[in-house]
Amino acid sequence: MKLTAAVIGASGYAGGELIRLLDAHPVFDLVWLGAHSRAGVSLGEVHPHLSEGDRLMSPTVPEDIPSVDAAFLALPHGASYGLGHELAERGTAVFDLGSDYRFDTWERYETAYGAPHPAPERLGVWRYGLPELFSLEGARRVALAGCYPTAVMLASVPLLAGGLTSGPVVADCLSGVSGAGRSLRADLMFGQVAEGAQAYGVATHRHRPEIEMGMEMAGVSTRVTFTPHLLPIQRGLLATVTMPAADPSVDREDLLGILGKAYEGRPLVDVVDRPPQTRWVAGSNRALVTAFFDSHTGMVIAQAALDNLLKGAAGQAVQAANLVFGLDEAAGLGTTGWMP
């Protein structure tokens, strides 16, 4: 069995990773590449590391996109709500890496983005795509979770839902520069990010409402303080999540036991006994989670490390598609990272 696929937004970092994964996938056949700003350009000119570089990228005009089984959208914010809806209405299974359909209500979307949603009546129809925490059975419209929310929730939701911790939640996260995308920005130039680290979006970042929404979907209602930091590395994301222990007698064995039970049988999340490093997961679709108990303060510190372009974006989209089409969850997805 072969399933046809299209990547729309093929010229970006996440788009390139989607192409790399789908080209090597045992079931999906990548038949169409779309890139609005680089239409007519060969794949090799934009992604010289990918094979079959003579493939041309096409304009993202809806009527020109062929009928495919699965469409993967790796588009900027605001660019996928119309196209994604139209493709889904045709019967295509759509996997949107963007933010246009992640939120369940227009109020939460407006809180995150400071503007009304262009099609609020369509919110809540799309399934929120974080496969280890939320079922994708029967889904045809999947809005993939953001990279930071994925890491924060993988580390914390089983502990919160299991009653071992409570809110409020403090999430301090570190990410590589590729998480900001491929567009040319002065603040992302080498001279601006090398040899330093910086916080951004302090107390205002749009992923905070998304994290709170995901926790509510998992049966946990709490407030989150979320602070992202930019590191001078290409890829990788580390979330450190601090929460009060619900019981002062909790120990680390309890915490690891809950995490282990939550991810038992899930091939793309591993529970580890030491603080995970981003370089252990770079280049893989594997997430590493762990947790510690600080008896001095009565706080639990949970951590998750993942590759922001893979488990945080393109790899998670392919994982979701595998589940939607009844394939092995890890089909076409590597779990071995690279280092140094």
C-alpha atoms as a PDB file:
ATOM      1  CA  MET A   1       0.000   0.000   0.000  1.00  0.00           C
ATOM      2  CA  LYS A   2       1.223   3.461  -0.875  1.00  0.00           C
ATOM      3  CA  LEU A   3      -0.273   6.749   0.333  1.00  0.00           C
ATOM      4  CA  THR A   4       0.321   9.933  -1.638  1.00  0.00           C
ATOM      5  CA  ALA A   5       1.481  13.040   0.196  1.00  0.00           C
ATOM      6  CA  ALA A   6       2.112  16.727  -0.413  1.00  0.00           C
ATOM      7  CA  VAL A   7       4.319  19.120   1.557  1.00  0.00           C
ATOM      8  CA  ILE A   8       3.178  22.731   1.445  1.00  0.00           C
ATOM      9  CA  GLY A   9       5.731  25.156   2.818  1.00  0.00           C
ATOM     10  CA  ALA A  10       8.560  23.028   1.494  1.00  0.00           C
ATOM     11  CA  SER A  11      11.239  25.734   1.552  1.00  0.00           C
ATOM     12  CA  GLY A  12      11.407  26.168   5.344  1.00  0.00           C
ATOM     13  CA  TYR A  13      13.320  24.157   7.916  1.00  0.00           C
ATOM     14  CA  ALA A  14      10.306  22.104   8.990  1.00  0.00           C
ATOM     15  CA  GLY A  15       9.307  21.637   5.350  1.00  0.00           C
ATOM     16  CA  GLY A  16      12.764  20.303   4.554  1.00  0.00           C
ATOM     17  CA  GLU A  17      12.552  17.838   7.420  1.00  0.00           C
ATOM     18  CA  LEU A  18       9.134  16.691   6.222  1.00  0.00           C
ATOM     19  CA  ILE A  19      10.590  16.027   2.767  1.00  0.00           C
ATOM     20  CA  ARG A  20      13.513  14.096   4.229  1.00  0.00           C
ATOM     21  CA  LEU A  21      11.220  11.939   6.371  1.00  0.00           C
ATOM     22  CA  LEU A  22       8.588  11.298   3.712  1.00  0.00           C
ATOM     23  CA  ASP A  23      11.195  10.471   1.035  1.00  0.00           C
ATOM     24  CA  ALA A  24      12.431   7.644   3.263  1.00  0.00           C
ATOM     25  CA  HIS A  25       9.013   6.573   4.558  1.00  0.00           C
ATOM     26  CA  PRO A  26       7.977   2.982   3.763  1.00  0.00           C
ATOM     27  CA  VAL A  27       4.368   3.916   2.918  1.00  0.00           C
ATOM     28  CA  PHE A  28       4.051   7.591   1.995  1.00  0.00           C
ATOM     29  CA  ASP A  29       4.908   8.651  -1.542  1.00  0.00           C
ATOM     30  CA  LEU A  30       5.745  12.352  -1.692  1.00  0.00           C
ATOM     31  CA  VAL A  31       4.297  13.560  -5.002  1.00  0.00           C
ATOM     32  CA  TRP A  32       4.006  17.361  -4.668  1.00  0.00           C
ATOM     33  CA  LEU A  33       6.013  20.208  -3.145  1.00  0.00           C
ATOM     34  CA  GLY A  34       4.602  23.681  -2.643  1.00  0.00           C
ATOM     35  CA  ALA A  35       6.460  26.843  -1.666  1.00  0.00           C
ATOM     36  CA  HIS A  36       4.879  30.235  -2.239  1.00  0.00           C
ATOM     37  CA  SER A  37       7.967  32.455  -2.111  1.00  0.00           C
ATOM     38  CA  ARG A  38      10.260  29.923  -3.834  1.00  0.00           C
ATOM     39  CA  ALA A  39       7.843  28.634  -6.469  1.00  0.00           C
ATOM     40  CA  GLY A  40       9.638  27.481  -9.620  1.00  0.00           C
ATOM     41  CA  VAL A  41      12.895  26.942  -7.733  1.00  0.00           C
ATOM     42  CA  SER A  42      14.466  23.491  -7.567  1.00  0.00           C
ATOM     43  CA  LEU A  43      14.508  21.643  -4.275  1.00  0.00           C
ATOM     44  CA  GLY A  44      18.286  21.354  -4.418  1.00  0.00           C
ATOM     45  CA  GLU A  45      18.699  25.123  -4.509  1.00  0.00           C
ATOM     46  CA  VAL A  46      16.798  25.504  -1.247  1.00  0.00           C
ATOM     47  CA  HIS A  47      17.711  22.232   0.482  1.00  0.00           C
ATOM     48  CA  PRO A  48      21.018  21.060  -1.039  1.00  0.00           C
ATOM     49  CA  HIS A  49      21.303  18.298   1.574  1.00  0.00           C
ATOM     50  CA  LEU A  50      18.227  16.478   0.218  1.00  0.00           C
ATOM     51  CA  SER A  51      18.292  13.942  -2.619  1.00  0.00           C
ATOM     52  CA  GLU A  52      16.429  14.346  -5.914  1.00  0.00           C
ATOM     53  CA  GLY A  53      17.220  18.027  -5.883  1.00  0.00           C
ATOM     54  CA  ASP A  54      15.887  18.545  -9.399  1.00  0.00           C
ATOM     55  CA  ARG A  55      12.289  18.466  -8.153  1.00  0.00           C
ATOM     56  CA  LEU A  56      10.611  21.835  -8.618  1.00  0.00           C
ATOM     57  CA  MET A  57       8.551  23.553  -5.965  1.00  0.00           C
ATOM     58  CA  SER A  58       5.134  24.778  -7.127  1.00  0.00           C
ATOM     59  CA  PRO A  59       2.991  27.779  -6.178  1.00  0.00           C
ATOM     60  CA  THR A  60       0.619  27.065  -3.309  1.00  0.00           C
ATOM     61  CA  VAL A  61      -2.475  27.764  -5.369  1.00  0.00           C
ATOM     62  CA  PRO A  62      -5.283  25.517  -4.070  1.00  0.00           C
ATOM     63  CA  GLU A  63      -6.581  24.491  -7.471  1.00  0.00           C
ATOM     64  CA  ASP A  64      -3.083  23.394  -8.542  1.00  0.00           C
ATOM     65  CA  ILE A  65      -2.561  21.070  -5.576  1.00  0.00           C
ATOM     66  CA  PRO A  66      -3.324  17.516  -6.712  1.00  0.00           C
ATOM     67  CA  SER A  67      -5.595  15.128  -4.881  1.00  0.00           C
ATOM     68  CA  VAL A  68      -3.476  13.350  -2.271  1.00  0.00           C
ATOM     69  CA  ASP A  69      -4.124  11.170   0.740  1.00  0.00           C
ATOM     70  CA  ALA A  70      -2.220  13.437   3.140  1.00  0.00           C
ATOM     71  CA  ALA A  71      -1.200  17.085   3.033  1.00  0.00           C
ATOM     72  CA  PHE A  72       1.429  18.435   5.425  1.00  0.00           C
ATOM     73  CA  LEU A  73       1.294  22.197   5.963  1.00  0.00           C
ATOM     74  CA  ALA A  74       4.475  23.891   7.204  1.00  0.00           C
ATOM     75  CA  LEU A  75       3.348  27.470   6.675  1.00  0.00           C
ATOM     76  CA  PRO A  76       3.771  30.738   8.591  1.00  0.00           C
ATOM     77  CA  HIS A  77       1.163  31.855  11.092  1.00  0.00           C
ATOM     78  CA  GLY A  78      -2.034  32.908   9.342  1.00  0.00           C
ATOM     79  CA  ALA A  79      -1.263  31.132   6.067  1.00  0.00           C
ATOM     80  CA  SER A  80      -2.914  27.753   6.615  1.00  0.00           C
ATOM     81  CA  TYR A  81      -6.439  28.469   7.876  1.00  0.00           C
ATOM     82  CA  GLY A  82      -7.911  28.872   4.382  1.00  0.00           C
ATOM     83  CA  LEU A  83      -5.807  26.319   2.533  1.00  0.00           C
ATOM     84  CA  GLY A  84      -6.022  23.733   5.286  1.00  0.00           C
ATOM     85  CA  HIS A  85      -9.799  24.017   5.423  1.00  0.00           C
ATOM     86  CA  GLU A  86     -10.154  23.722   1.647  1.00  0.00           C
ATOM     87  CA  LEU A  87      -7.942  20.648   1.434  1.00  0.00           C
ATOM     88  CA  ALA A  88      -9.795  18.977   4.306  1.00  0.00           C
ATOM     89  CA  GLU A  89     -13.117  19.692   2.640  1.00  0.00           C
ATOM     90  CA  ARG A  90     -11.862  17.777  -0.396  1.00  0.00           C
ATOM     91  CA  GLY A  91     -11.353  14.725   1.799  1.00  0.00           C
ATOM     92  CA  THR A  92      -7.597  15.030   2.214  1.00  0.00           C
ATOM     93  CA  ALA A  93      -6.181  14.269   5.656  1.00  0.00           C
ATOM     94  CA  VAL A  94      -4.461  17.515   6.664  1.00  0.00           C
ATOM     95  CA  PHE A  95      -1.632  17.804   9.176  1.00  0.00           C
ATOM     96  CA  ASP A  96      -0.998  21.442  10.014  1.00  0.00           C
ATOM     97  CA  LEU A  97       2.285  22.285  11.737  1.00  0.00           C
ATOM     98  CA  GLY A  98       1.161  25.891  12.149  1.00  0.00           C
ATOM     99  CA  SER A  99      -0.915  27.607  14.783  1.00  0.00           C
ATOM    100  CA  ASP A 100      -4.068  28.522  12.892  1.00  0.00           C
ATOM    101  CA  TYR A 101      -6.191  25.662  14.238  1.00  0.00           C
ATOM    102  CA  ARG A 102      -4.473  24.667  17.472  1.00  0.00           C
ATOM    103  CA  PHE A 103      -6.854  26.515  19.763  1.00  0.00           C
ATOM    104  CA  ASP A 104     -10.287  25.272  20.762  1.00  0.00           C
ATOM    105  CA  THR A 105     -11.923  28.698  21.177  1.00  0.00           C
ATOM    106  CA  TRP A 106     -11.637  32.101  19.560  1.00  0.00           C
ATOM    107  CA  GLU A 107     -11.073  33.665  22.993  1.00  0.00           C
ATOM    108  CA  ARG A 108      -7.974  31.602  23.623  1.00  0.00           C
ATOM    109  CA  TYR A 109      -6.682  32.289  20.109  1.00  0.00           C
ATOM    110  CA  GLU A 110      -7.179  36.021  20.576  1.00  0.00           C
ATOM    111  CA  THR A 111      -5.372  35.915  23.916  1.00  0.00           C
ATOM    112  CA  ALA A 112      -2.399  34.224  22.254  1.00  0.00           C
ATOM    113  CA  TYR A 113      -2.209  36.293  19.070  1.00  0.00           C
ATOM    114  CA  GLY A 114      -3.837  39.573  19.996  1.00  0.00           C
ATOM    115  CA  ALA A 115      -6.210  39.525  17.020  1.00  0.00           C
ATOM    116  CA  PRO A 116      -9.477  37.782  16.093  1.00  0.00           C
ATOM    117  CA  HIS A 117      -9.317  34.426  14.342  1.00  0.00           C
ATOM    118  CA  PRO A 118     -10.245  34.799  10.648  1.00  0.00           C
ATOM    119  CA  ALA A 119     -12.626  31.815  10.785  1.00  0.00           C
ATOM    120  CA  PRO A 120     -13.620  31.259  14.436  1.00  0.00           C
ATOM    121  CA  GLU A 121     -16.434  28.866  13.510  1.00  0.00           C
ATOM    122  CA  ARG A 122     -13.825  26.317  12.402  1.00  0.00           C
ATOM    123  CA  LEU A 123     -12.010  26.183  15.742  1.00  0.00           C
ATOM    124  CA  GLY A 124     -12.599  23.071  17.803  1.00  0.00           C
ATOM    125  CA  VAL A 125     -13.091  20.939  14.688  1.00  0.00           C
ATOM    126  CA  TRP A 126      -9.401  20.141  14.329  1.00  0.00           C
ATOM    127  CA  ARG A 127      -7.843  17.473  16.547  1.00  0.00           C
ATOM    128  CA  TYR A 128      -4.965  18.682  18.711  1.00  0.00           C
ATOM    129  CA  GLY A 129      -1.914  16.674  17.687  1.00  0.00           C
ATOM    130  CA  LEU A 130       0.212  15.457  20.564  1.00  0.00           C
ATOM    131  CA  PRO A 131      -0.050  11.687  20.006  1.00  0.00           C
ATOM    132  CA  GLU A 132       1.199  10.433  23.374  1.00  0.00           C
ATOM    133  CA  LEU A 133      -1.425  12.427  25.272  1.00  0.00           C
ATOM    134  CA  PHE A 134      -4.422  12.752  22.935  1.00  0.00           C
ATOM    135  CA  SER A 135      -6.044  10.196  20.624  1.00  0.00           C
ATOM    136  CA  LEU A 136      -5.971  10.811  16.889  1.00  0.00           C
ATOM    137  CA  GLU A 137      -8.265   7.923  16.002  1.00  0.00           C
ATOM    138  CA  GLY A 138     -10.596   8.918  13.204  1.00  0.00           C
ATOM    139  CA  ALA A 139      -9.010  12.351  12.760  1.00  0.00           C
ATOM    140  CA  ARG A 140      -8.813  13.954   9.320  1.00  0.00           C
ATOM    141  CA  ARG A 141      -7.832  17.468  10.432  1.00  0.00           C
ATOM    142  CA  VAL A 142      -4.886  17.543  12.817  1.00  0.00           C
ATOM    143  CA  ALA A 143      -3.367  20.712  14.261  1.00  0.00           C
ATOM    144  CA  LEU A 144       0.026  19.665  15.599  1.00  0.00           C
ATOM    145  CA  ALA A 145       1.102  20.903  19.015  1.00  0.00           C
ATOM    146  CA  GLY A 146       3.854  23.513  19.153  1.00  0.00           C
ATOM    147  CA  CYS A 147       7.391  22.467  20.054  1.00  0.00           C
ATOM    148  CA  TYR A 148       7.459  24.121  23.481  1.00  0.00           C
ATOM    149  CA  PRO A 149       3.982  22.850  24.490  1.00  0.00           C
ATOM    150  CA  THR A 150       4.982  19.349  23.394  1.00  0.00           C
ATOM    151  CA  ALA A 151       8.023  19.307  25.668  1.00  0.00           C
ATOM    152  CA  VAL A 152       6.312  20.986  28.626  1.00  0.00           C
ATOM    153  CA  MET A 153       3.291  18.688  28.523  1.00  0.00           C
ATOM    154  CA  LEU A 154       5.243  15.483  27.971  1.00  0.00           C
ATOM    155  CA  ALA A 155       7.226  16.306  31.122  1.00  0.00           C
ATOM    156  CA  SER A 156       4.369  17.471  33.326  1.00  0.00           C
ATOM    157  CA  VAL A 157       0.929  16.195  32.312  1.00  0.00           C
ATOM    158  CA  PRO A 158       1.283  12.603  33.612  1.00  0.00           C
ATOM    159  CA  LEU A 159       2.467  13.937  36.982  1.00  0.00           C
ATOM    160  CA  LEU A 160      -0.329  16.499  37.221  1.00  0.00           C
ATOM    161  CA  ALA A 161      -3.042  14.129  36.000  1.00  0.00           C
ATOM    162  CA  GLY A 162      -1.745  11.392  38.304  1.00  0.00           C
ATOM    163  CA  GLY A 163      -2.076  13.639  41.348  1.00  0.00           C
ATOM    164  CA  LEU A 164       1.610  13.674  42.238  1.00  0.00           C
ATOM    165  CA  THR A 165       1.961  17.378  41.523  1.00  0.00           C
ATOM    166  CA  SER A 166      -0.253  20.440  41.431  1.00  0.00           C
ATOM    167  CA  GLY A 167      -0.154  23.949  40.046  1.00  0.00           C
ATOM    168  CA  PRO A 168       0.868  26.584  39.457  1.00  0.00           C
ATOM    169  CA  VAL A 169       3.403  25.366  36.893  1.00  0.00           C
ATOM    170  CA  VAL A 170       6.638  27.171  36.024  1.00  0.00           C
ATOM    171  CA  ALA A 171       8.141  26.171  32.665  1.00  0.00           C
ATOM    172  CA  ASP A 172      11.606  27.397  31.742  1.00  0.00           C
ATOM    173  CA  CYS A 173      12.529  26.289  28.230  1.00  0.00           C
ATOM    174  CA  LEU A 174      15.580  26.519  25.992  1.00  0.00           C
ATOM    175  CA  SER A 175      15.541  26.152  22.218  1.00  0.00           C
ATOM    176  CA  GLY A 176      17.860  26.303  19.244  1.00  0.00           C
ATOM    177  CA  VAL A 177      17.722  29.053  16.634  1.00  0.00           C
ATOM    178  CA  SER A 178      16.001  26.864  14.011  1.00  0.00           C
ATOM    179  CA  GLY A 179      12.838  27.096  16.106  1.00  0.00           C
ATOM    180  CA  ALA A 180      12.418  30.667  14.876  1.00  0.00           C
ATOM    181  CA  GLY A 181      12.182  29.536  11.258  1.00  0.00           C
ATOM    182  CA  ARG A 182      14.216  30.353   8.184  1.00  0.00           C
ATOM    183  CA  SER A 183      13.191  33.952   7.515  1.00  0.00           C
ATOM    184  CA  LEU A 184      15.946  36.559   7.557  1.00  0.00           C
ATOM    185  CA  ARG A 185      15.812  38.550  10.800  1.00  0.00           C
ATOM    186  CA  ALA A 186      18.440  40.837  12.272  1.00  0.00           C
ATOM    187  CA  ASP A 187      17.957  39.454  15.782  1.00  0.00           C
ATOM    188  CA  LEU A 188      18.680  35.905  14.555  1.00  0.00           C
ATOM    189  CA  MET A 189      21.905  36.652  12.693  1.00  0.00           C
ATOM    190  CA  PHE A 190      25.018  34.824  13.883  1.00  0.00           C
ATOM    191  CA  GLY A 191      26.484  37.921  15.489  1.00  0.00           C
ATOM    192  CA  GLN A 192      23.339  38.443  17.540  1.00  0.00           C
ATOM    193  CA  VAL A 193      22.951  34.922  18.952  1.00  0.00           C
ATOM    194  CA  ALA A 194      26.451  33.420  19.137  1.00  0.00           C
ATOM    195  CA  GLU A 195      28.134  33.222  22.534  1.00  0.00           C
ATOM    196  CA  GLY A 196      25.013  34.221  24.435  1.00  0.00           C
ATOM    197  CA  ALA A 197      21.607  33.198  25.728  1.00  0.00           C
ATOM    198  CA  GLN A 198      18.473  35.282  25.981  1.00  0.00           C
ATOM    199  CA  ALA A 199      14.903  35.083  27.201  1.00  0.00           C
ATOM    200  CA  TYR A 200      12.144  36.337  24.937  1.00  0.00           C
ATOM    201  CA  GLY A 201       8.370  36.696  25.081  1.00  0.00           C
ATOM    202  CA  VAL A 202       8.650  36.932  28.866  1.00  0.00           C
ATOM    203  CA  ALA A 203       5.151  36.711  30.418  1.00  0.00           C
ATOM    204  CA  THR A 204       3.570  37.202  26.979  1.00  0.00           C
ATOM    205  CA  HIS A 205       4.577  34.251  24.782  1.00  0.00           C
ATOM    206  CA  ARG A 206       1.771  32.763  22.680  1.00  0.00           C
ATOM    207  CA  HIS A 207       2.588  29.189  23.732  1.00  0.00           C
ATOM    208  CA  ARG A 208       1.432  29.793  27.304  1.00  0.00           C
ATOM    209  CA  PRO A 209      -2.294  29.736  26.394  1.00  0.00           C
ATOM    210  CA  GLU A 210      -1.659  26.642  24.280  1.00  0.00           C
ATOM    211  CA  ILE A 211       0.020  24.826  27.176  1.00  0.00           C
ATOM    212  CA  GLU A 212      -2.865  25.702  29.504  1.00  0.00           C
ATOM    213  CA  MET A 213      -5.368  24.506  26.892  1.00  0.00           C
ATOM    214  CA  GLY A 214      -3.562  21.184  26.477  1.00  0.00           C
ATOM    215  CA  MET A 215      -3.456  20.662  30.225  1.00  0.00           C
ATOM    216  CA  GLU A 216      -7.194  21.311  30.455  1.00  0.00           C
ATOM    217  CA  MET A 217      -7.773  18.782  27.669  1.00  0.00           C
ATOM    218  CA  ALA A 218      -5.820  16.282  29.788  1.00  0.00           C
ATOM    219  CA  GLY A 219      -8.032  16.968  32.801  1.00  0.00           C
ATOM    220  CA  VAL A 220      -5.704  19.400  34.565  1.00  0.00           C
ATOM    221  CA  SER A 221      -6.684  23.021  35.176  1.00  0.00           C
ATOM    222  CA  THR A 222      -3.793  25.181  36.287  1.00  0.00           C
ATOM    223  CA  ARG A 223      -1.957  28.363  35.472  1.00  0.00           C
ATOM    224  CA  VAL A 224       1.399  28.311  33.774  1.00  0.00           C
ATOM    225  CA  THR A 225       4.322  30.697  33.869  1.00  0.00           C
ATOM    226  CA  PHE A 226       6.244  30.084  30.668  1.00  0.00           C
ATOM    227  CA  THR A 227       9.624  31.606  29.786  1.00  0.00           C
ATOM    228  CA  PRO A 228      11.381  30.581  26.562  1.00  0.00           C
ATOM    229  CA  HIS A 229      15.090  31.156  25.981  1.00  0.00           C
ATOM    230  CA  LEU A 230      17.095  31.212  22.773  1.00  0.00           C
ATOM    231  CA  LEU A 231      20.372  29.283  22.726  1.00  0.00           C
ATOM    232  CA  PRO A 232      23.197  29.600  20.166  1.00  0.00           C
ATOM    233  CA  ILE A 233      22.628  26.076  18.858  1.00  0.00           C
ATOM    234  CA  GLN A 234      20.945  24.987  15.632  1.00  0.00           C
ATOM    235  CA  ARG A 235      18.409  22.527  16.987  1.00  0.00           C
ATOM    236  CA  GLY A 236      17.207  20.991  20.215  1.00  0.00           C
ATOM    237  CA  LEU A 237      14.805  21.966  22.983  1.00  0.00           C
ATOM    238  CA  LEU A 238      14.943  21.438  26.745  1.00  0.00           C
ATOM    239  CA  ALA A 239      11.985  22.099  29.048  1.00  0.00           C
ATOM    240  CA  THR A 240      12.414  22.285  32.826  1.00  0.00           C
ATOM    241  CA  VAL A 241       9.033  22.306  34.551  1.00  0.00           C
ATOM    242  CA  THR A 242       8.744  23.050  38.283  1.00  0.00           C
ATOM    243  CA  MET A 243       5.571  22.191  40.227  1.00  0.00           C
ATOM    244  CA  PRO A 244       4.604  21.755  43.897  1.00  0.00           C
ATOM    245  CA  ALA A 245       4.465  18.144  45.029  1.00  0.00           C
ATOM    246  CA  ALA A 246       0.916  17.212  46.023  1.00  0.00           C
ATOM    247  CA  ASP A 247       2.248  14.906  48.749  1.00  0.00           C
ATOM    248  CA  PRO A 248       5.430  15.661  50.740  1.00  0.00           C
ATOM    249  CA  SER A 249       6.157  11.945  50.981  1.00  0.00           C
ATOM    250  CA  VAL A 250       6.520  11.539  47.218  1.00  0.00           C
ATOM    251  CA  ASP A 251       9.871  10.223  46.054  1.00  0.00           C
ATOM    252  CA  ARG A 252      11.651   9.985  42.733  1.00  0.00           C
ATOM    253  CA  GLU A 253      10.641   6.371  42.235  1.00  0.00           C
ATOM    254  CA  ASP A 254       6.992   7.462  42.334  1.00  0.00           C
ATOM    255  CA  LEU A 255       7.603  10.175  39.756  1.00  0.00           C
ATOM    256  CA  LEU A 256       9.491   7.947  37.331  1.00  0.00           C
ATOM    257  CA  GLY A 257       6.891   5.230  37.836  1.00  0.00           C
ATOM    258  CA  ILE A 258       4.054   7.533  36.756  1.00  0.00           C
ATOM    259  CA  LEU A 259       6.018   8.720  33.726  1.00  0.00           C
ATOM    260  CA  GLY A 260       6.946   5.162  32.801  1.00  0.00           C
ATOM    261  CA  LYS A 261       3.332   4.024  32.995  1.00  0.00           C
ATOM    262  CA  ALA A 262       2.149   7.003  30.921  1.00  0.00           C
ATOM    263  CA  TYR A 263       4.569   6.259  28.082  1.00  0.00           C
ATOM    264  CA  GLU A 264       4.596   2.474  28.251  1.00  0.00           C
ATOM    265  CA  GLY A 265       4.376   1.119  24.734  1.00  0.00           C
ATOM    266  CA  ARG A 266       5.005   4.526  23.137  1.00  0.00           C
ATOM    267  CA  PRO A 267       8.133   4.091  21.019  1.00  0.00           C
ATOM    268  CA  LEU A 268       9.022   7.776  20.711  1.00  0.00           C
ATOM    269  CA  VAL A 269       9.189   8.811  24.376  1.00  0.00           C
ATOM    270  CA  ASP A 270      11.718   7.342  26.787  1.00  0.00           C
ATOM    271  CA  VAL A 271      11.886   7.894  30.541  1.00  0.00           C
ATOM    272  CA  VAL A 272      15.483   8.338  31.684  1.00  0.00           C
ATOM    273  CA  ASP A 273      17.115   8.520  35.099  1.00  0.00           C
ATOM    274  CA  ARG A 274      19.349  11.540  34.544  1.00  0.00           C
ATOM    275  CA  PRO A 275      18.866  15.057  33.168  1.00  0.00           C
ATOM    276  CA  PRO A 276      18.500  14.736  29.384  1.00  0.00           C
ATOM    277  CA  GLN A 277      20.624  16.746  26.980  1.00  0.00           C
ATOM    278  CA  THR A 278      19.467  18.250  23.706  1.00  0.00           C
ATOM    279  CA  ARG A 279      22.340  16.709  21.753  1.00  0.00           C
ATOM    280  CA  TRP A 280      21.122  13.226  22.729  1.00  0.00           C
ATOM    281  CA  VAL A 281      17.946  13.749  20.697  1.00  0.00           C
ATOM    282  CA  ALA A 282      19.137  16.032  17.878  1.00  0.00           C
ATOM    283  CA  GLY A 283      18.318  14.418  14.555  1.00  0.00           C
ATOM    284  CA  SER A 284      15.809  11.963  16.056  1.00  0.00           C
ATOM    285  CA  ASN A 285      12.094  11.873  16.765  1.00  0.00           C
ATOM    286  CA  ARG A 286      12.749  10.674  20.299  1.00  0.00           C
ATOM    287  CA  ALA A 287      11.782  12.636  23.406  1.00  0.00           C
ATOM    288  CA  LEU A 288      13.509  12.021  26.719  1.00  0.00           C
ATOM    289  CA  VAL A 289      11.660  12.775  29.980  1.00  0.00           C
ATOM    290  CA  THR A 290      12.561  12.555  33.641  1.00  0.00           C
ATOM    291  CA  ALA A 291      11.610  14.039  37.009  1.00  0.00           C
ATOM    292  CA  PHE A 292      13.238  14.851  40.360  1.00  0.00           C
ATOM    293  CA  PHE A 293      11.922  15.686  43.837  1.00  0.00           C
ATOM    294  CA  ASP A 294      13.469  18.557  45.775  1.00  0.00           C
ATOM    295  CA  SER A 295      12.740  17.719  49.410  1.00  0.00           C
ATOM    296  CA  HIS A 296      14.117  21.076  50.546  1.00  0.00           C
ATOM    297  CA  THR A 297      11.325  23.032  48.858  1.00  0.00           C
ATOM    298  CA  GLY A 298       8.736  20.316  48.310  1.00  0.00           C
ATOM    299  CA  MET A 299       8.910  20.918  44.561  1.00  0.00           C
ATOM    300  CA  VAL A 300       9.026  18.497  41.641  1.00  0.00           C
ATOM    301  CA  ILE A 301      11.302  19.301  38.712  1.00  0.00           C
ATOM    302  CA  ALA A 302      10.327  17.508  35.500  1.00  0.00           C
ATOM    303  CA  GLN A 303      12.308  17.715  32.266  1.00  0.00           C
ATOM    304  CA  ALA A 304      11.882  16.857  28.606  1.00  0.00           C
ATOM    305  CA  ALA A 305      14.388  17.116  25.761  1.00  0.00           C
ATOM    306  CA  LEU A 306      13.499  16.838  22.084  1.00  0.00           C
ATOM    307  CA  ASP A 307      14.513  18.006  18.631  1.00  0.00           C
ATOM    308  CA  ASN A 308      12.366  21.075  17.945  1.00  0.00           C
ATOM    309  CA  LEU A 309      12.266  20.358  14.190  1.00  0.00           C
ATOM    310  CA  LEU A 310      11.365  16.680  14.571  1.00  0.00           C
ATOM    311  CA  LYS A 311       9.376  15.660  17.671  1.00  0.00           C
ATOM    312  CA  GLY A 312       8.511  19.344  17.954  1.00  0.00           C
ATOM    313  CA  ALA A 313       7.353  19.744  14.340  1.00  0.00           C
ATOM    314  CA  ALA A 314       7.922  17.585  11.229  1.00  0.00           C
ATOM    315  CA  GLY A 315       8.490  14.265  12.965  1.00  0.00           C
ATOM    316  CA  GLN A 316       5.435  14.696  15.146  1.00  0.00           C
ATOM    317  CA  ALA A 317       3.376  15.419  12.001  1.00  0.00           C
ATOM    318  CA  VAL A 318       4.550  12.180  10.383  1.00  0.00           C
ATOM    319  CA  GLN A 319       3.905  10.336  13.658  1.00  0.00           C
ATOM    320  CA  ALA A 320       0.351  11.716  13.676  1.00  0.00           C
ATOM    321  CA  ALA A 321      -0.154  10.672  10.053  1.00  0.00           C
ATOM    322  CA  ASN A 322       1.065   7.169  10.851  1.00  0.00           C
ATOM    323  CA  LEU A 323      -1.582   6.876  13.554  1.00  0.00           C
ATOM    324  CA  VAL A 324      -4.371   8.379  11.454  1.00  0.00           C
ATOM    325  CA  PHE A 325      -3.714   5.898   8.641  1.00  0.00           C
ATOM    326  CA  GLY A 326      -3.316   2.900  10.956  1.00  0.00           C
ATOM    327  CA  LEU A 327       0.426   2.479  10.434  1.00  0.00           C
ATOM    328  CA  ASP A 328       3.140   1.703  12.944  1.00  0.00           C
ATOM    329  CA  GLU A 329       3.426   4.855  15.040  1.00  0.00           C
ATOM    330  CA  ALA A 330       7.183   5.091  14.509  1.00  0.00           C
ATOM    331  CA  ALA A 331       7.199   4.201  10.794  1.00  0.00           C
ATOM    332  CA  GLY A 332       9.826   6.245   8.987  1.00  0.00           C
ATOM    333  CA  LEU A 333      10.965   7.946  12.190  1.00  0.00           C
ATOM    334  CA  GLY A 334      14.417   7.476  13.663  1.00  0.00           C
ATOM    335  CA  THR A 335      14.982   7.270  17.407  1.00  0.00           C
ATOM    336  CA  THR A 336      18.758   7.534  17.364  1.00  0.00           C
ATOM    337  CA  GLY A 337      20.257  10.993  17.738  1.00  0.00           C
ATOM    338  CA  TRP A 338      23.769  12.139  16.952  1.00  0.00           C
ATOM    339  CA  MET A 339      26.580  13.561  19.020  1.00  0.00           C
ATOM    340  CA  PRO A 340      28.932  15.296  19.604  1.00  0.00           C
END
